[in-house]
Amino acid sequence: MLFCGMNKTTLLDYPGHVAATLFTGGCNMRCPFCHNSGLVLAPWSQPGIPEQEVLAFLQKRRGVLEGVCITGGEPTIQPELEDFIRRVRELGYQVKLDTNGYRPQVLRHLLEEGLLDYVAMDIKASKEHYGRACGLAHVELSLIEQSVELLKSSSVPCEFRTTVVKGIHTAEEFTGIGQWLQGCKAYYLQNYRDSEQVVRREFAGFEREQLEKLRDCVAEYVPRAALRGVD
């Protein structure tokens, strides 16, 4: 398995754990506000890190790091993902997976095999506007819905999260998201931040007061709705 980047130490990506974050290349969505455009649009242009190099690093960091966060891009499109996770777990690490939920069959299998310790799933928008937010002319919403229900019913710790983007999202959007995710364990709103790595640089974030109002729209249905990474 080839990786396109590695953050050797993070206290943020895996809640409650000192972890390393691994970035996979390629994605089955084209969110216009994605901040990892290189990984999504041109993964072949990124410097590759071979799996054996990653495993050797993790071997050396045993006792220092507690977990490994696998993100992207979209990790579930990688055919070697399961085998790699098994090797990571053999080293004694807990594994967190970041996913867009568009391959529920992969997510279900990893959960059934007991290979995941935490899952974070991105919710791009309300059901009505999902295609616009994820950049697909046609989105099979039933696949997203399967992943949502799978995680809501799972005993594995998980969270849902939305990157909040002015020009994409409205208050009504978050009422719809709240109704959809009712009963979930945790939900976070993360403010959009512009950078040169964004797929299309035509968006902006919200002010904190506006974000709090959007959170309140969700909190009516999801009590554990909160802001994350907002100053």
C-alpha atoms as a PDB file:
ATOM      1  CA  MET A   1       0.000   0.000   0.000  1.00  0.00           C
ATOM      2  CA  LEU A   2       1.363   3.411  -0.966  1.00  0.00           C
ATOM      3  CA  PHE A   3       0.744   6.518   1.116  1.00  0.00           C
ATOM      4  CA  CYS A   4       0.915  10.130  -0.016  1.00  0.00           C
ATOM      5  CA  GLY A   5       1.816  11.707   3.299  1.00  0.00           C
ATOM      6  CA  MET A   6       2.362  11.120   6.996  1.00  0.00           C
ATOM      7  CA  ASN A   7       2.022  13.293  10.078  1.00  0.00           C
ATOM      8  CA  LYS A   8       4.317  11.542  12.502  1.00  0.00           C
ATOM      9  CA  THR A   9       2.707  12.854  15.683  1.00  0.00           C
ATOM     10  CA  THR A  10      -0.699  14.393  16.320  1.00  0.00           C
ATOM     11  CA  LEU A  11      -2.826  15.086  19.381  1.00  0.00           C
ATOM     12  CA  LEU A  12      -5.781  16.253  17.291  1.00  0.00           C
ATOM     13  CA  ASP A  13      -6.637  13.642  14.663  1.00  0.00           C
ATOM     14  CA  TYR A  14      -7.453  10.753  17.022  1.00  0.00           C
ATOM     15  CA  PRO A  15      -9.417  11.956  20.069  1.00  0.00           C
ATOM     16  CA  GLY A  16      -7.752  10.992  23.326  1.00  0.00           C
ATOM     17  CA  HIS A  17      -4.700   9.405  21.718  1.00  0.00           C
ATOM     18  CA  VAL A  18      -1.206  10.334  20.619  1.00  0.00           C
ATOM     19  CA  ALA A  19      -1.230   9.166  17.045  1.00  0.00           C
ATOM     20  CA  ALA A  20       0.330   9.216  13.607  1.00  0.00           C
ATOM     21  CA  THR A  21      -1.815  10.221  10.651  1.00  0.00           C
ATOM     22  CA  LEU A  22      -1.447   8.533   7.264  1.00  0.00           C
ATOM     23  CA  PHE A  23      -2.815  10.052   4.057  1.00  0.00           C
ATOM     24  CA  THR A  24      -4.002   7.881   1.184  1.00  0.00           C
ATOM     25  CA  GLY A  25      -4.350   9.181  -2.369  1.00  0.00           C
ATOM     26  CA  GLY A  26      -7.420   9.282  -4.580  1.00  0.00           C
ATOM     27  CA  CYS A  27     -11.073   9.860  -3.751  1.00  0.00           C
ATOM     28  CA  ASN A  28     -14.500   8.876  -5.070  1.00  0.00           C
ATOM     29  CA  MET A  29     -15.862  12.384  -4.429  1.00  0.00           C
ATOM     30  CA  ARG A  30     -14.908  15.814  -5.737  1.00  0.00           C
ATOM     31  CA  CYS A  31     -15.942  18.214  -2.980  1.00  0.00           C
ATOM     32  CA  PRO A  32     -15.168  21.720  -4.323  1.00  0.00           C
ATOM     33  CA  PHE A  33     -14.088  22.911  -0.854  1.00  0.00           C
ATOM     34  CA  CYS A  34     -11.722  19.985  -0.179  1.00  0.00           C
ATOM     35  CA  HIS A  35      -8.419  21.183   1.286  1.00  0.00           C
ATOM     36  CA  ASN A  36      -6.445  18.173   0.021  1.00  0.00           C
ATOM     37  CA  SER A  37      -6.732  18.796  -3.713  1.00  0.00           C
ATOM     38  CA  GLY A  38      -3.379  17.205  -4.482  1.00  0.00           C
ATOM     39  CA  LEU A  39      -4.386  13.941  -2.825  1.00  0.00           C
ATOM     40  CA  VAL A  40      -7.782  13.920  -4.543  1.00  0.00           C
ATOM     41  CA  LEU A  41      -7.034  15.189  -8.052  1.00  0.00           C
ATOM     42  CA  ALA A  42      -3.432  14.168  -8.641  1.00  0.00           C
ATOM     43  CA  PRO A  43      -2.266  11.582  -6.093  1.00  0.00           C
ATOM     44  CA  TRP A  44       0.436  10.398  -8.494  1.00  0.00           C
ATOM     45  CA  SER A  45       2.094  13.813  -8.171  1.00  0.00           C
ATOM     46  CA  GLN A  46       2.545  13.407  -4.416  1.00  0.00           C
ATOM     47  CA  PRO A  47       5.727  11.909  -2.946  1.00  0.00           C
ATOM     48  CA  GLY A  48       4.878   8.281  -2.182  1.00  0.00           C
ATOM     49  CA  ILE A  49       5.690   6.561   1.114  1.00  0.00           C
ATOM     50  CA  PRO A  50       5.901   2.752   0.805  1.00  0.00           C
ATOM     51  CA  GLU A  51       4.009   0.641   3.312  1.00  0.00           C
ATOM     52  CA  GLN A  52       7.173  -0.984   4.636  1.00  0.00           C
ATOM     53  CA  GLU A  53       8.611   2.429   5.461  1.00  0.00           C
ATOM     54  CA  VAL A  54       5.449   3.326   7.358  1.00  0.00           C
ATOM     55  CA  LEU A  55       5.442   0.034   9.270  1.00  0.00           C
ATOM     56  CA  ALA A  56       9.117   0.423  10.141  1.00  0.00           C
ATOM     57  CA  PHE A  57       8.381   3.877  11.568  1.00  0.00           C
ATOM     58  CA  LEU A  58       5.443   2.563  13.588  1.00  0.00           C
ATOM     59  CA  GLN A  59       7.586  -0.276  14.899  1.00  0.00           C
ATOM     60  CA  LYS A  60      10.144   2.222  16.222  1.00  0.00           C
ATOM     61  CA  ARG A  61       7.450   4.397  17.813  1.00  0.00           C
ATOM     62  CA  ARG A  62       5.787   1.633  19.806  1.00  0.00           C
ATOM     63  CA  GLY A  63       5.304   2.791  23.377  1.00  0.00           C
ATOM     64  CA  VAL A  64       5.233   6.433  22.275  1.00  0.00           C
ATOM     65  CA  LEU A  65       2.350   6.472  19.830  1.00  0.00           C
ATOM     66  CA  GLU A  66      -0.971   4.891  20.776  1.00  0.00           C
ATOM     67  CA  GLY A  67      -2.937   5.012  17.564  1.00  0.00           C
ATOM     68  CA  VAL A  68      -2.905   5.416  13.809  1.00  0.00           C
ATOM     69  CA  CYS A  69      -5.379   7.598  11.920  1.00  0.00           C
ATOM     70  CA  ILE A  70      -5.912   6.618   8.284  1.00  0.00           C
ATOM     71  CA  THR A  71      -7.338   9.438   6.196  1.00  0.00           C
ATOM     72  CA  GLY A  72      -7.176  10.732   2.649  1.00  0.00           C
ATOM     73  CA  GLY A  73      -8.303  11.177   0.033  1.00  0.00           C
ATOM     74  CA  GLU A  74     -10.659   8.298   0.733  1.00  0.00           C
ATOM     75  CA  PRO A  75      -9.037   5.256   2.362  1.00  0.00           C
ATOM     76  CA  THR A  76     -11.839   2.782   1.567  1.00  0.00           C
ATOM     77  CA  ILE A  77     -11.038   2.838  -2.160  1.00  0.00           C
ATOM     78  CA  GLN A  78      -7.636   1.278  -1.415  1.00  0.00           C
ATOM     79  CA  PRO A  79      -7.725  -2.497  -2.062  1.00  0.00           C
ATOM     80  CA  GLU A  80      -4.875  -3.140   0.395  1.00  0.00           C
ATOM     81  CA  LEU A  81      -6.531  -1.266   3.280  1.00  0.00           C
ATOM     82  CA  GLU A  82      -7.644  -4.306   5.282  1.00  0.00           C
ATOM     83  CA  ASP A  83      -4.280  -6.046   5.099  1.00  0.00           C
ATOM     84  CA  PHE A  84      -2.484  -2.877   6.142  1.00  0.00           C
ATOM     85  CA  ILE A  85      -4.796  -2.322   9.124  1.00  0.00           C
ATOM     86  CA  ARG A  86      -4.160  -5.895  10.266  1.00  0.00           C
ATOM     87  CA  ARG A  87      -0.419  -5.260  10.225  1.00  0.00           C
ATOM     88  CA  VAL A  88      -0.846  -2.037  12.184  1.00  0.00           C
ATOM     89  CA  ARG A  89      -2.948  -3.783  14.809  1.00  0.00           C
ATOM     90  CA  GLU A  90      -0.352  -6.557  15.091  1.00  0.00           C
ATOM     91  CA  LEU A  91       2.046  -3.826  16.253  1.00  0.00           C
ATOM     92  CA  GLY A  92      -0.358  -3.007  19.084  1.00  0.00           C
ATOM     93  CA  TYR A  93      -1.890   0.177  17.697  1.00  0.00           C
ATOM     94  CA  GLN A  94      -5.487   1.287  17.769  1.00  0.00           C
ATOM     95  CA  VAL A  95      -6.856   2.374  14.400  1.00  0.00           C
ATOM     96  CA  LYS A  96      -9.069   5.329  13.507  1.00  0.00           C
ATOM     97  CA  LEU A  97     -10.552   5.545  10.021  1.00  0.00           C
ATOM     98  CA  ASP A  98     -11.695   8.761   8.350  1.00  0.00           C
ATOM     99  CA  THR A  99     -14.203   8.124   5.574  1.00  0.00           C
ATOM    100  CA  ASN A 100     -16.818   9.799   3.415  1.00  0.00           C
ATOM    101  CA  GLY A 101     -19.039   6.741   3.805  1.00  0.00           C
ATOM    102  CA  TYR A 102     -19.460   6.123   0.085  1.00  0.00           C
ATOM    103  CA  ARG A 103     -18.330   2.497   0.343  1.00  0.00           C
ATOM    104  CA  PRO A 104     -20.499   1.087   3.136  1.00  0.00           C
ATOM    105  CA  GLN A 105     -19.649  -2.502   2.225  1.00  0.00           C
ATOM    106  CA  VAL A 106     -15.981  -1.856   3.049  1.00  0.00           C
ATOM    107  CA  LEU A 107     -16.855  -0.046   6.266  1.00  0.00           C
ATOM    108  CA  ARG A 108     -19.196  -2.855   7.331  1.00  0.00           C
ATOM    109  CA  HIS A 109     -16.560  -5.520   6.694  1.00  0.00           C
ATOM    110  CA  LEU A 110     -13.866  -3.684   8.662  1.00  0.00           C
ATOM    111  CA  LEU A 111     -16.245  -3.238  11.583  1.00  0.00           C
ATOM    112  CA  GLU A 112     -17.383  -6.858  11.507  1.00  0.00           C
ATOM    113  CA  GLU A 113     -13.759  -7.992  11.498  1.00  0.00           C
ATOM    114  CA  GLY A 114     -13.051  -5.880  14.595  1.00  0.00           C
ATOM    115  CA  LEU A 115     -10.370  -3.893  12.798  1.00  0.00           C
ATOM    116  CA  LEU A 116     -11.486  -0.373  13.728  1.00  0.00           C
ATOM    117  CA  ASP A 117     -11.380   1.353  17.097  1.00  0.00           C
ATOM    118  CA  TYR A 118     -12.841   4.703  16.005  1.00  0.00           C
ATOM    119  CA  VAL A 119     -14.545   6.000  12.867  1.00  0.00           C
ATOM    120  CA  ALA A 120     -15.065   9.587  11.738  1.00  0.00           C
ATOM    121  CA  MET A 121     -17.480  10.040   8.842  1.00  0.00           C
ATOM    122  CA  ASP A 122     -17.867  13.251   6.894  1.00  0.00           C
ATOM    123  CA  ILE A 123     -21.405  14.475   6.291  1.00  0.00           C
ATOM    124  CA  LYS A 124     -21.134  16.810   3.325  1.00  0.00           C
ATOM    125  CA  ALA A 125     -24.615  18.368   3.468  1.00  0.00           C
ATOM    126  CA  SER A 126     -28.263  17.572   3.984  1.00  0.00           C
ATOM    127  CA  LYS A 127     -29.693  14.791   1.831  1.00  0.00           C
ATOM    128  CA  GLU A 128     -31.280  17.288  -0.541  1.00  0.00           C
ATOM    129  CA  HIS A 129     -27.990  18.975  -1.443  1.00  0.00           C
ATOM    130  CA  TYR A 130     -25.495  16.153  -1.125  1.00  0.00           C
ATOM    131  CA  GLY A 131     -24.533  16.019  -4.792  1.00  0.00           C
ATOM    132  CA  ARG A 132     -23.735  19.718  -4.903  1.00  0.00           C
ATOM    133  CA  ALA A 133     -21.570  19.505  -1.791  1.00  0.00           C
ATOM    134  CA  CYS A 134     -19.621  16.406  -2.811  1.00  0.00           C
ATOM    135  CA  GLY A 135     -19.092  17.549  -6.399  1.00  0.00           C
ATOM    136  CA  LEU A 136     -20.837  14.656  -8.129  1.00  0.00           C
ATOM    137  CA  ALA A 137     -23.428  15.049 -10.870  1.00  0.00           C
ATOM    138  CA  HIS A 138     -25.108  11.928  -9.529  1.00  0.00           C
ATOM    139  CA  VAL A 139     -24.657  10.713  -5.973  1.00  0.00           C
ATOM    140  CA  GLU A 140     -26.040   7.392  -4.735  1.00  0.00           C
ATOM    141  CA  LEU A 141     -27.376   8.739  -1.470  1.00  0.00           C
ATOM    142  CA  SER A 142     -28.439   5.265  -0.348  1.00  0.00           C
ATOM    143  CA  LEU A 143     -24.749   4.377   0.085  1.00  0.00           C
ATOM    144  CA  ILE A 144     -24.229   7.334   2.413  1.00  0.00           C
ATOM    145  CA  GLU A 145     -27.406   6.446   4.292  1.00  0.00           C
ATOM    146  CA  GLN A 146     -26.192   2.871   4.772  1.00  0.00           C
ATOM    147  CA  SER A 147     -22.947   4.077   6.343  1.00  0.00           C
ATOM    148  CA  VAL A 148     -24.780   6.513   8.619  1.00  0.00           C
ATOM    149  CA  GLU A 149     -27.102   3.811   9.914  1.00  0.00           C
ATOM    150  CA  LEU A 150     -24.227   1.357  10.228  1.00  0.00           C
ATOM    151  CA  LEU A 151     -22.273   3.712  12.479  1.00  0.00           C
ATOM    152  CA  LYS A 152     -25.291   4.822  14.476  1.00  0.00           C
ATOM    153  CA  SER A 153     -25.954   1.209  15.408  1.00  0.00           C
ATOM    154  CA  SER A 154     -22.321   0.186  15.935  1.00  0.00           C
ATOM    155  CA  SER A 155     -20.679  -0.261  19.318  1.00  0.00           C
ATOM    156  CA  VAL A 156     -17.433   1.171  17.916  1.00  0.00           C
ATOM    157  CA  PRO A 157     -16.878   4.812  18.988  1.00  0.00           C
ATOM    158  CA  CYS A 158     -17.614   7.140  16.101  1.00  0.00           C
ATOM    159  CA  GLU A 159     -18.413  10.688  15.126  1.00  0.00           C
ATOM    160  CA  PHE A 160     -19.970  12.548  12.240  1.00  0.00           C
ATOM    161  CA  ARG A 161     -18.629  15.910  11.121  1.00  0.00           C
ATOM    162  CA  THR A 162     -19.285  18.610   8.558  1.00  0.00           C
ATOM    163  CA  THR A 163     -16.945  21.217   7.134  1.00  0.00           C
ATOM    164  CA  VAL A 164     -19.133  24.329   7.166  1.00  0.00           C
ATOM    165  CA  VAL A 165     -18.807  26.391   3.998  1.00  0.00           C
ATOM    166  CA  LYS A 166     -20.392  29.731   3.151  1.00  0.00           C
ATOM    167  CA  GLY A 167     -21.913  29.337  -0.290  1.00  0.00           C
ATOM    168  CA  ILE A 168     -22.717  25.677   0.317  1.00  0.00           C
ATOM    169  CA  HIS A 169     -24.495  25.567   3.674  1.00  0.00           C
ATOM    170  CA  THR A 170     -27.434  27.404   5.255  1.00  0.00           C
ATOM    171  CA  ALA A 171     -29.280  27.149   8.575  1.00  0.00           C
ATOM    172  CA  GLU A 172     -31.928  25.003   6.895  1.00  0.00           C
ATOM    173  CA  GLU A 173     -29.144  22.679   5.815  1.00  0.00           C
ATOM    174  CA  PHE A 174     -28.224  21.935   9.420  1.00  0.00           C
ATOM    175  CA  THR A 175     -31.783  21.371  10.521  1.00  0.00           C
ATOM    176  CA  GLY A 176     -31.918  18.666   7.863  1.00  0.00           C
ATOM    177  CA  ILE A 177     -28.595  17.196   8.984  1.00  0.00           C
ATOM    178  CA  GLY A 178     -29.773  17.141  12.583  1.00  0.00           C
ATOM    179  CA  GLN A 179     -32.957  15.291  11.676  1.00  0.00           C
ATOM    180  CA  TRP A 180     -30.951  12.804   9.624  1.00  0.00           C
ATOM    181  CA  LEU A 181     -28.347  12.102  12.329  1.00  0.00           C
ATOM    182  CA  GLN A 182     -30.737  11.993  15.268  1.00  0.00           C
ATOM    183  CA  GLY A 183     -29.512   9.350  17.692  1.00  0.00           C
ATOM    184  CA  CYS A 184     -25.838   9.528  16.701  1.00  0.00           C
ATOM    185  CA  LYS A 185     -23.080   9.519  19.315  1.00  0.00           C
ATOM    186  CA  ALA A 186     -21.368  12.800  18.379  1.00  0.00           C
ATOM    187  CA  TYR A 187     -21.410  15.449  15.655  1.00  0.00           C
ATOM    188  CA  TYR A 188     -18.956  18.280  14.998  1.00  0.00           C
ATOM    189  CA  LEU A 189     -19.029  21.393  12.842  1.00  0.00           C
ATOM    190  CA  GLN A 190     -15.634  22.417  11.471  1.00  0.00           C
ATOM    191  CA  ASN A 191     -15.248  25.823   9.856  1.00  0.00           C
ATOM    192  CA  TYR A 192     -13.950  26.031   6.296  1.00  0.00           C
ATOM    193  CA  ARG A 193     -10.465  27.513   5.983  1.00  0.00           C
ATOM    194  CA  ASP A 194      -9.119  28.755   2.700  1.00  0.00           C
ATOM    195  CA  SER A 195      -5.726  27.639   1.429  1.00  0.00           C
ATOM    196  CA  GLU A 196      -3.873  27.154  -1.835  1.00  0.00           C
ATOM    197  CA  GLN A 197      -4.681  23.437  -1.618  1.00  0.00           C
ATOM    198  CA  VAL A 198      -8.461  23.878  -1.910  1.00  0.00           C
ATOM    199  CA  VAL A 199     -10.006  22.349  -5.050  1.00  0.00           C
ATOM    200  CA  ARG A 200     -11.898  25.558  -5.924  1.00  0.00           C
ATOM    201  CA  ARG A 201     -10.905  28.740  -4.126  1.00  0.00           C
ATOM    202  CA  GLU A 202     -14.252  30.524  -4.192  1.00  0.00           C
ATOM    203  CA  PHE A 203     -15.582  29.839  -0.711  1.00  0.00           C
ATOM    204  CA  ALA A 204     -15.342  31.296   2.788  1.00  0.00           C
ATOM    205  CA  GLY A 205     -15.948  30.275   6.372  1.00  0.00           C
ATOM    206  CA  PHE A 206     -18.460  31.581   8.899  1.00  0.00           C
ATOM    207  CA  GLU A 207     -18.051  33.821  11.935  1.00  0.00           C
ATOM    208  CA  ARG A 208     -18.166  32.060  15.302  1.00  0.00           C
ATOM    209  CA  GLU A 209     -21.566  33.509  16.175  1.00  0.00           C
ATOM    210  CA  GLN A 210     -22.969  32.168  12.914  1.00  0.00           C
ATOM    211  CA  LEU A 211     -21.432  28.754  13.563  1.00  0.00           C
ATOM    212  CA  GLU A 212     -23.018  28.635  16.991  1.00  0.00           C
ATOM    213  CA  LYS A 213     -26.426  29.260  15.443  1.00  0.00           C
ATOM    214  CA  LEU A 214     -25.842  26.474  12.931  1.00  0.00           C
ATOM    215  CA  ARG A 215     -24.779  24.157  15.752  1.00  0.00           C
ATOM    216  CA  ASP A 216     -27.981  24.999  17.609  1.00  0.00           C
ATOM    217  CA  CYS A 217     -29.994  23.892  14.566  1.00  0.00           C
ATOM    218  CA  VAL A 218     -28.397  20.456  14.865  1.00  0.00           C
ATOM    219  CA  ALA A 219     -28.416  20.323  18.673  1.00  0.00           C
ATOM    220  CA  GLU A 220     -32.207  20.259  18.714  1.00  0.00           C
ATOM    221  CA  TYR A 221     -31.876  16.712  17.378  1.00  0.00           C
ATOM    222  CA  VAL A 222     -28.291  15.760  18.331  1.00  0.00           C
ATOM    223  CA  PRO A 223     -27.484  16.912  21.898  1.00  0.00           C
ATOM    224  CA  ARG A 224     -23.778  16.178  21.428  1.00  0.00           C
ATOM    225  CA  ALA A 225     -23.386  18.624  18.565  1.00  0.00           C
ATOM    226  CA  ALA A 226     -20.354  20.897  19.023  1.00  0.00           C
ATOM    227  CA  LEU A 227     -17.918  23.168  17.249  1.00  0.00           C
ATOM    228  CA  ARG A 228     -14.398  21.892  16.651  1.00  0.00           C
ATOM    229  CA  GLY A 229     -11.246  23.871  15.915  1.00  0.00           C
ATOM    230  CA  VAL A 230     -13.050  27.217  16.086  1.00  0.00           C
ATOM    231  CA  ASP A 231     -11.223  30.120  17.702  1.00  0.00           C
END
